[in-house]
């Protein structure tokens, strides 16, 4: 298996806006004439190529950067840089193909043992949304199965050489209440599989669980290397991308591209159904923030009636001028801690906020268990260990970060 490594190099002390703008112009599958002209204009400036490549790699949009530059004005890019981008593009394409072959093999295995399974993100997103397996960066496989099939599916993966992390080898799902998947690794094939029983972390769910709302009988189908595999329908996929992106803090531009490209390629989506489902799940603000990012950062076209609903939301107004900075400039390690509190604030109902707080800040995850493995009868102590660990790691720096961004009272 090919391993794609992120380049390490010195970056400028201050971020130059032209690199950020160039990356945003290139992070799409379709370049209109106006955007193409803007790319040509930006390339006439003094581009810090090392910083641009490093940022594109970290944000998972290197294939889009290469394709857009190569298709628009390759003569304006230094030959050594274009060669580096081309090499990464080709390596990523081969890497994705190998992962896709493994995915198809595992789906066939599950099907042979009567385990319904849905591949998510990765290959299916690259093909169904980007239209090209090579245009998306991904490093592992994600497969969703029904919760009652999770142990059977795990045993099948083990039979194929996959292994759980040591701290999870004897675990059951209830020991990881805020989890949503087991990460299993095949050391011989160098392939990682996230075996999901839920599409989102349990601390992002309310009484109405998004995973239980998935209509397994209403899945779409796509072709991966001449094999038909199931895929989420576009409405469920859009809401999943918004929940996943907002819940994790929109940590990469690549996730924004996923959403923007989905909106561009599936213009016949049932937006009323999407809004109704978001309300049922108490996740309208998660949806609005995702759509705001896709439209403001990457120019996705949102239906007017949805746009009007978003613009009336106080959260959307507060977030709008801050989005690009947080997404592309702010690399603070405590940024994710802020987004945990942010998710607490935007949760609609007090009961859901209480559940979120307990699941996020009190219930242990695999990191807590790895630091201090305890026997089962002492497991309640993790409710004390986790907040202590989080405070020691993020406490003072998180407080400073919150003060710096001047958290609004209007949210």
Protein backbone atom coordinates (compact mmCIF):
# COMPACT_ATOMS: atom_id res chain seq x y z
CA UNK A 1 0.00 0.00 0.00
CA UNK A 2 1.32 3.44 -0.93
CA UNK A 3 1.69 5.85 1.98
CA UNK A 4 1.16 9.50 1.15
CA UNK A 5 3.24 11.76 3.36
CA UNK A 6 2.57 15.39 4.10
CA UNK A 7 5.54 17.58 3.16
CA UNK A 8 7.29 19.28 6.04
CA UNK A 9 8.80 22.66 5.39
CA UNK A 10 9.14 26.14 6.78
CA UNK A 11 6.04 28.27 6.23
CA UNK A 12 5.82 32.06 6.17
CA UNK A 13 5.49 33.81 9.52
CA UNK A 14 2.43 35.64 8.22
CA UNK A 15 -0.11 34.09 5.90
CA UNK A 16 -0.30 35.78 2.51
CA UNK A 17 -3.88 36.10 1.30
CA UNK A 18 -3.02 35.24 -2.31
CA UNK A 19 -2.12 31.63 -1.41
CA UNK A 20 -5.40 31.20 0.46
CA UNK A 21 -7.42 32.72 -2.37
CA UNK A 22 -5.61 30.63 -4.97
CA UNK A 23 -6.33 27.47 -3.01
CA UNK A 24 -10.02 28.36 -2.72
CA UNK A 25 -10.22 29.05 -6.46
CA UNK A 26 -8.66 25.67 -7.24
CA UNK A 27 -10.58 23.58 -4.69
CA UNK A 28 -13.41 22.61 -7.03
CA UNK A 29 -14.03 20.25 -9.93
CA UNK A 30 -15.48 22.88 -12.28
CA UNK A 31 -13.63 26.12 -13.01
CA UNK A 32 -15.81 28.82 -14.57
CA UNK A 33 -14.24 31.51 -16.80
CA UNK A 34 -14.26 34.13 -14.04
CA UNK A 35 -12.50 31.83 -11.58
CA UNK A 36 -10.00 30.75 -14.25
CA UNK A 37 -9.11 34.37 -14.93
CA UNK A 38 -8.67 35.00 -11.21
CA UNK A 39 -6.31 32.01 -10.98
CA UNK A 40 -4.19 33.45 -13.81
CA UNK A 41 -4.06 36.82 -12.07
CA UNK A 42 -3.03 35.30 -8.73
CA UNK A 43 -0.27 33.27 -10.38
CA UNK A 44 1.34 36.50 -11.56
CA UNK A 45 2.03 37.34 -7.91
CA UNK A 46 4.85 36.00 -5.75
CA UNK A 47 3.32 32.68 -4.61
CA UNK A 48 4.89 30.91 -1.64
CA UNK A 49 4.65 27.45 -3.20
CA UNK A 50 5.92 25.52 -0.19
CA UNK A 51 3.23 27.01 2.01
CA UNK A 52 0.55 26.47 -0.65
CA UNK A 53 1.42 22.79 -1.11
CA UNK A 54 1.69 22.16 2.61
CA UNK A 55 -1.69 23.79 3.22
CA UNK A 56 -3.35 21.94 0.33
CA UNK A 57 -2.02 18.62 1.63
CA UNK A 58 -3.19 19.27 5.18
CA UNK A 59 -6.64 20.22 3.92
CA UNK A 60 -6.94 17.22 1.61
CA UNK A 61 -7.27 19.13 -1.68
CA UNK A 62 -3.95 18.42 -3.41
CA UNK A 63 -5.60 16.53 -6.32
CA UNK A 64 -7.94 19.46 -6.96
CA UNK A 65 -5.07 21.95 -6.75
CA UNK A 66 -3.07 20.05 -9.36
CA UNK A 67 -5.99 19.46 -11.69
CA UNK A 68 -7.13 23.10 -11.60
CA UNK A 69 -3.65 24.53 -12.14
CA UNK A 70 -2.81 22.03 -14.86
CA UNK A 71 -6.08 22.67 -16.69
CA UNK A 72 -6.03 26.46 -16.35
CA UNK A 73 -2.47 27.70 -16.88
CA UNK A 74 0.28 25.12 -16.32
CA UNK A 75 2.83 27.41 -17.97
CA UNK A 76 2.49 29.86 -15.04
CA UNK A 77 3.50 27.21 -12.50
CA UNK A 78 7.21 26.47 -11.96
CA UNK A 79 8.08 23.17 -13.66
CA UNK A 80 9.44 21.61 -10.47
CA UNK A 81 6.25 22.51 -8.60
CA UNK A 82 3.99 21.17 -11.34
CA UNK A 83 6.03 17.96 -11.41
CA UNK A 84 5.67 17.60 -7.63
CA UNK A 85 1.93 18.14 -7.86
CA UNK A 86 1.63 15.64 -10.71
CA UNK A 87 3.56 13.00 -8.77
CA UNK A 88 1.28 13.42 -5.76
CA UNK A 89 -1.81 13.25 -8.00
CA UNK A 90 -0.67 9.99 -9.59
CA UNK A 91 0.34 8.46 -6.25
CA UNK A 92 -2.99 9.44 -4.73
CA UNK A 93 -4.88 7.91 -7.67
CA UNK A 94 -3.07 4.58 -7.23
CA UNK A 95 -3.53 4.72 -3.45
CA UNK A 96 -7.28 5.30 -3.88
CA UNK A 97 -7.59 2.46 -6.38
CA UNK A 98 -5.93 -0.01 -4.00
CA UNK A 99 -8.19 1.08 -1.14
CA UNK A 100 -11.24 0.77 -3.38
CA UNK A 101 -10.34 -2.79 -4.35
CA UNK A 102 -10.07 -3.67 -0.67
CA UNK A 103 -13.42 -1.98 0.02
CA UNK A 104 -15.18 -3.97 -2.71
CA UNK A 105 -13.63 -7.19 -1.40
CA UNK A 106 -14.89 -6.49 2.14
CA UNK A 107 -18.37 -5.54 0.95
CA UNK A 108 -18.57 -8.80 -0.99
CA UNK A 109 -17.46 -10.65 2.15
CA UNK A 110 -20.17 -9.00 4.25
CA UNK A 111 -22.78 -9.69 1.59
CA UNK A 112 -21.82 -13.38 1.49
CA UNK A 113 -22.49 -13.55 5.24
CA UNK A 114 -25.82 -11.67 5.07
CA UNK A 115 -24.52 -8.47 6.69
CA UNK A 116 -25.99 -5.37 5.02
CA UNK A 117 -23.27 -2.71 4.80
CA UNK A 118 -23.00 0.83 3.46
CA UNK A 119 -19.63 2.31 2.48
CA UNK A 120 -19.38 5.97 3.47
CA UNK A 121 -17.01 8.78 2.50
CA UNK A 122 -13.84 7.59 0.75
CA UNK A 123 -14.33 5.94 -2.63
CA UNK A 124 -18.10 6.31 -2.87
CA UNK A 125 -17.90 10.05 -2.19
CA UNK A 126 -15.10 10.47 -4.73
CA UNK A 127 -17.08 8.71 -7.47
CA UNK A 128 -20.61 9.91 -6.71
CA UNK A 129 -19.76 13.55 -5.96
CA UNK A 130 -16.41 14.32 -7.61
CA UNK A 131 -17.00 12.03 -10.58
CA UNK A 132 -13.42 10.75 -10.41
CA UNK A 133 -11.80 8.39 -7.92
CA UNK A 134 -8.51 10.30 -8.16
CA UNK A 135 -9.86 13.74 -7.18
CA UNK A 136 -10.39 13.13 -3.47
CA UNK A 137 -7.84 12.42 -0.75
CA UNK A 138 -8.74 9.71 1.76
CA UNK A 139 -6.62 7.44 3.90
CA UNK A 140 -8.93 4.71 5.20
CA UNK A 141 -12.20 2.87 4.64
CA UNK A 142 -15.49 3.56 6.42
CA UNK A 143 -18.24 0.95 6.51
CA UNK A 144 -21.59 1.21 8.31
CA UNK A 145 -23.42 -1.90 9.56
CA UNK A 146 -26.45 -2.36 11.79
CA UNK A 147 -25.54 -2.33 15.46
CA UNK A 148 -26.79 -5.88 15.96
CA UNK A 149 -24.31 -7.05 13.28
CA UNK A 150 -21.28 -5.21 14.63
CA UNK A 151 -19.63 -8.18 16.38
CA UNK A 152 -20.23 -10.51 13.44
CA UNK A 153 -18.71 -7.92 11.09
CA UNK A 154 -15.77 -7.41 13.45
CA UNK A 155 -15.06 -11.15 13.52
CA UNK A 156 -15.12 -11.28 9.72
CA UNK A 157 -12.57 -8.47 9.53
CA UNK A 158 -10.39 -10.28 12.06
CA UNK A 159 -10.55 -13.38 9.84
CA UNK A 160 -9.11 -11.22 7.04
CA UNK A 161 -6.13 -10.09 9.13
CA UNK A 162 -7.57 -6.93 10.68
CA UNK A 163 -6.88 -6.12 14.32
CA UNK A 164 -8.40 -3.85 16.95
CA UNK A 165 -6.21 -1.54 19.04
CA UNK A 166 -5.05 -3.36 22.16
CA UNK A 167 -7.25 -1.32 24.50
CA UNK A 168 -10.36 -2.31 22.51
CA UNK A 169 -9.68 -6.02 22.01
CA UNK A 170 -12.00 -7.11 24.82
CA UNK A 171 -14.31 -4.10 24.66
CA UNK A 172 -18.00 -3.97 24.02
CA UNK A 173 -19.89 -1.06 22.51
CA UNK A 174 -21.36 0.10 25.82
CA UNK A 175 -17.85 0.84 27.13
CA UNK A 176 -17.50 3.49 24.43
CA UNK A 177 -20.77 5.37 24.76
CA UNK A 178 -19.46 8.42 22.94
CA UNK A 179 -17.94 6.34 20.17
CA UNK A 180 -19.42 5.46 16.83
CA UNK A 181 -16.91 3.08 15.22
CA UNK A 182 -14.08 0.65 15.80
CA UNK A 183 -10.86 1.42 13.97
CA UNK A 184 -9.31 -1.80 12.74
CA UNK A 185 -5.94 -2.12 11.03
CA UNK A 186 -4.57 -4.76 8.69
CA UNK A 187 -0.80 -4.54 9.30
CA UNK A 188 0.10 -6.62 6.24
CA UNK A 189 -1.98 -4.61 3.77
CA UNK A 190 -1.50 -1.30 5.62
CA UNK A 191 -5.23 -0.64 5.40
CA UNK A 192 -7.33 0.91 8.15
CA UNK A 193 -11.09 0.28 8.36
CA UNK A 194 -13.48 2.25 10.54
CA UNK A 195 -16.32 -0.18 11.26
CA UNK A 196 -19.31 2.01 12.15
CA UNK A 197 -22.44 1.21 14.10
CA UNK A 198 -23.33 4.92 14.04
CA UNK A 199 -22.62 7.64 11.48
CA UNK A 200 -21.83 10.33 14.04
CA UNK A 201 -20.24 10.40 17.48
CA UNK A 202 -22.74 9.54 20.18
CA UNK A 203 -22.15 12.89 21.87
CA UNK A 204 -23.60 14.60 18.77
CA UNK A 205 -26.84 12.62 18.87
CA UNK A 206 -30.13 13.54 20.49
CA UNK A 207 -33.14 11.39 21.27
CA UNK A 208 -33.72 11.32 17.51
CA UNK A 209 -30.62 9.51 16.25
CA UNK A 210 -29.55 10.31 12.69
CA UNK A 211 -28.28 6.79 12.01
CA UNK A 212 -31.65 5.28 12.90
CA UNK A 213 -33.26 7.67 10.40
CA UNK A 214 -31.23 6.31 7.49
CA UNK A 215 -33.54 4.63 5.00
CA UNK A 216 -31.69 1.43 4.16
CA UNK A 217 -34.40 0.49 1.69
CA UNK A 218 -33.97 3.82 -0.13
CA UNK A 219 -30.25 3.71 -0.85
CA UNK A 220 -28.72 4.72 -4.15
CA UNK A 221 -26.27 2.57 -6.10
CA UNK A 222 -22.96 3.45 -7.71
CA UNK A 223 -20.31 1.49 -9.58
CA UNK A 224 -16.85 0.96 -8.09
CA UNK A 225 -14.41 -0.87 -10.39
CA UNK A 226 -17.27 -2.66 -12.17
CA UNK A 227 -19.04 -3.58 -8.93
CA UNK A 228 -22.37 -2.09 -7.85
CA UNK A 229 -22.31 -0.94 -4.23
CA UNK A 230 -24.88 0.88 -2.08
CA UNK A 231 -24.58 4.57 -1.26
CA UNK A 232 -26.52 7.03 0.89
CA UNK A 233 -29.13 8.99 -1.03
CA UNK A 234 -28.20 12.61 -1.65
CA UNK A 235 -30.47 14.06 1.07
CA UNK A 236 -29.12 11.76 3.79
CA UNK A 237 -25.58 12.33 2.54
CA UNK A 238 -25.91 16.12 2.69
CA UNK A 239 -27.21 16.07 6.25
CA UNK A 240 -24.51 13.58 7.26
CA UNK A 241 -21.76 15.80 5.83
CA UNK A 242 -23.15 18.81 7.72
CA UNK A 243 -23.43 16.90 11.01
CA UNK A 244 -20.00 15.34 10.61
CA UNK A 245 -18.31 18.57 9.52
CA UNK A 246 -19.83 20.82 12.17
CA UNK A 247 -19.42 18.21 14.88
CA UNK A 248 -15.70 17.89 14.12
CA UNK A 249 -15.18 21.62 13.62
CA UNK A 250 -14.78 21.70 9.81
CA UNK A 251 -11.11 20.90 10.28
CA UNK A 252 -10.25 20.67 6.58
CA UNK A 253 -11.18 22.42 3.37
CA UNK A 254 -11.63 18.96 1.84
CA UNK A 255 -14.75 18.40 3.93
CA UNK A 256 -16.15 21.71 2.68
CA UNK A 257 -15.42 20.58 -0.89
CA UNK A 258 -17.34 17.35 -0.29
CA UNK A 259 -20.42 19.36 0.64
CA UNK A 260 -20.05 21.99 -2.09
CA UNK A 261 -19.55 19.36 -4.80
CA UNK A 262 -22.55 17.36 -3.56
CA UNK A 263 -24.74 20.46 -3.85
CA UNK A 264 -23.37 21.21 -7.33
CA UNK A 265 -23.85 17.69 -8.70
CA UNK A 266 -27.23 16.95 -7.09
CA UNK A 267 -29.32 20.03 -7.78
CA UNK A 268 -32.55 18.03 -7.69
CA UNK A 269 -32.30 17.26 -3.96
CA UNK A 270 -35.47 17.44 -1.86
CA UNK A 271 -34.53 20.46 0.25
CA UNK A 272 -37.83 20.48 2.14
CA UNK A 273 -37.16 16.94 3.30
CA UNK A 274 -33.64 17.93 4.38
CA UNK A 275 -34.97 20.84 6.46
CA UNK A 276 -37.68 18.67 8.02
CA UNK A 277 -35.19 15.95 8.93
CA UNK A 278 -32.80 18.50 10.45
CA UNK A 279 -35.63 19.90 12.59
CA UNK A 280 -36.65 16.42 13.69
CA UNK A 281 -33.07 15.74 14.79
CA UNK A 282 -32.78 19.19 16.45
CA UNK A 283 -29.81 19.89 14.17
CA UNK A 284 -30.94 22.86 12.06
CA UNK A 285 -27.93 24.94 13.12
CA UNK A 286 -25.54 22.15 12.12
CA UNK A 287 -27.18 22.14 8.70
CA UNK A 288 -27.12 25.94 8.38
CA UNK A 289 -23.46 26.21 9.32
CA UNK A 290 -22.47 23.56 6.77
CA UNK A 291 -24.47 25.25 4.01
CA UNK A 292 -23.08 28.65 4.98
CA UNK A 293 -19.53 27.35 4.64
CA UNK A 294 -20.24 25.68 1.29
CA UNK A 295 -21.85 28.82 -0.15
CA UNK A 296 -19.59 31.49 1.36
CA UNK A 297 -16.25 29.72 1.02
CA UNK A 298 -16.72 27.74 -2.20
CA UNK A 299 -19.66 29.42 -3.91
CA UNK A 300 -22.19 26.58 -3.70
CA UNK A 301 -25.66 27.63 -4.86
CA UNK A 302 -28.29 27.21 -2.15
CA UNK A 303 -32.04 27.47 -2.95
CA UNK A 304 -33.40 30.91 -2.11
CA UNK A 305 -35.92 29.72 0.48
CA UNK A 306 -33.17 27.84 2.34
CA UNK A 307 -30.86 30.88 2.07
CA UNK A 308 -33.54 33.12 3.59
CA UNK A 309 -33.99 30.73 6.51
CA UNK A 310 -30.23 30.67 7.10
CA UNK A 311 -29.86 34.45 6.98
CA UNK A 312 -32.51 34.84 9.68
CA UNK A 313 -30.43 32.71 12.05
CA UNK A 314 -28.28 34.64 14.56
CA UNK A 315 -25.62 31.96 14.58
CA UNK A 316 -25.16 32.19 10.81
CA UNK A 317 -24.78 35.97 11.04
CA UNK A 318 -22.15 35.63 13.78
CA UNK A 319 -20.21 32.92 11.97
CA UNK A 320 -20.14 34.47 8.50
CA UNK A 321 -17.16 36.86 8.92
CA UNK A 322 -15.13 34.28 10.88
CA UNK A 323 -15.42 31.17 8.73
CA UNK A 324 -12.48 31.57 6.36
CA UNK A 325 -10.07 32.52 9.16
CA UNK A 326 -11.01 29.52 11.27
CA UNK A 327 -10.94 27.17 8.33
CA UNK A 328 -7.68 28.10 6.63
CA UNK A 329 -5.63 30.31 8.94
CA UNK A 330 -6.32 29.26 12.52
CA UNK A 331 -4.20 26.19 13.36
CA UNK A 332 -4.49 26.49 17.14
CA UNK A 333 -4.48 23.04 18.79
CA UNK A 334 -7.31 24.18 21.07
CA UNK A 335 -9.51 25.16 18.13
CA UNK A 336 -11.23 21.79 18.42
CA UNK A 337 -11.88 22.37 22.11
CA UNK A 338 -13.65 25.58 21.19
CA UNK A 339 -15.79 23.70 18.69
CA UNK A 340 -16.78 21.23 21.41
CA UNK A 341 -18.16 24.15 23.42
CA UNK A 342 -19.58 25.60 20.22
CA UNK A 343 -21.51 22.38 19.61
CA UNK A 344 -22.81 22.58 23.17
CA UNK A 345 -24.10 26.11 22.54
CA UNK A 346 -25.82 25.39 19.21
CA UNK A 347 -27.64 22.30 20.47
CA UNK A 348 -31.28 23.35 20.53
CA UNK A 349 -32.73 21.65 23.60
CA UNK A 350 -31.49 21.81 27.19
CA UNK A 351 -31.90 18.07 27.63
CA UNK A 352 -29.73 17.43 24.56
CA UNK A 353 -27.15 19.93 25.85
CA UNK A 354 -26.93 18.05 29.12
CA UNK A 355 -26.46 14.74 27.32
CA UNK A 356 -23.84 16.28 25.05
CA UNK A 357 -21.90 17.70 28.00
CA UNK A 358 -21.86 14.38 29.85
CA UNK A 359 -20.93 12.38 26.76
CA UNK A 360 -18.23 14.80 25.64
CA UNK A 361 -16.57 15.81 28.89
CA UNK A 362 -17.28 12.92 31.27
CA UNK A 363 -17.55 9.66 29.33
CA UNK A 364 -14.16 8.08 28.54
CA UNK A 365 -12.89 7.36 25.07
CA UNK A 366 -10.07 5.15 23.83
CA UNK A 367 -7.45 7.83 24.65
CA UNK A 368 -8.44 7.90 28.32
CA UNK A 369 -8.43 4.11 28.50
CA UNK A 370 -5.05 3.89 26.75
CA UNK A 371 -3.46 6.30 29.24
CA UNK A 372 -4.68 4.41 32.31
CA UNK A 373 -6.20 0.96 31.69
CA UNK A 374 -8.48 0.03 34.58
CA UNK A 375 -10.28 -3.21 35.43
CA UNK A 376 -14.02 -3.22 34.80
CA UNK A 377 -14.97 -2.70 38.45
CA UNK A 378 -12.94 0.56 38.53
CA UNK A 379 -14.24 1.91 35.21
CA UNK A 380 -16.46 4.57 36.93
CA UNK A 381 -13.21 6.35 37.83
CA UNK A 382 -12.86 7.38 34.19
CA UNK A 383 -15.55 10.00 34.87
CA UNK A 384 -12.92 11.75 37.00
CA UNK A 385 -9.88 10.89 34.90
CA UNK A 386 -11.25 12.30 31.64
CA UNK A 387 -11.99 15.88 32.81
CA UNK A 388 -8.64 16.01 34.61
CA UNK A 389 -6.84 14.91 31.43
CA UNK A 390 -8.71 17.44 29.29
CA UNK A 391 -8.03 20.29 31.72
CA UNK A 392 -4.34 19.48 31.96
CA UNK A 393 -4.02 19.33 28.18
CA UNK A 394 -6.23 22.23 27.08
CA UNK A 395 -7.27 24.26 30.12
CA UNK A 396 -5.35 27.56 30.08
CA UNK A 397 -4.76 27.64 26.33
CA UNK A 398 -8.49 27.05 25.71
CA UNK A 399 -9.47 29.94 27.97
CA UNK A 400 -7.03 32.24 26.18
CA UNK A 401 -8.39 31.12 22.81
CA UNK A 402 -11.99 31.80 23.83
CA UNK A 403 -11.06 35.29 25.00
CA UNK A 404 -9.21 36.02 21.77
CA UNK A 405 -12.14 35.19 19.52
CA UNK A 406 -14.52 37.30 21.65
CA UNK A 407 -17.30 34.81 21.88
CA UNK A 408 -20.60 36.52 21.07
CA UNK A 409 -23.44 36.71 23.61
CA UNK A 410 -26.01 36.57 20.83
CA UNK A 411 -25.58 32.87 20.08
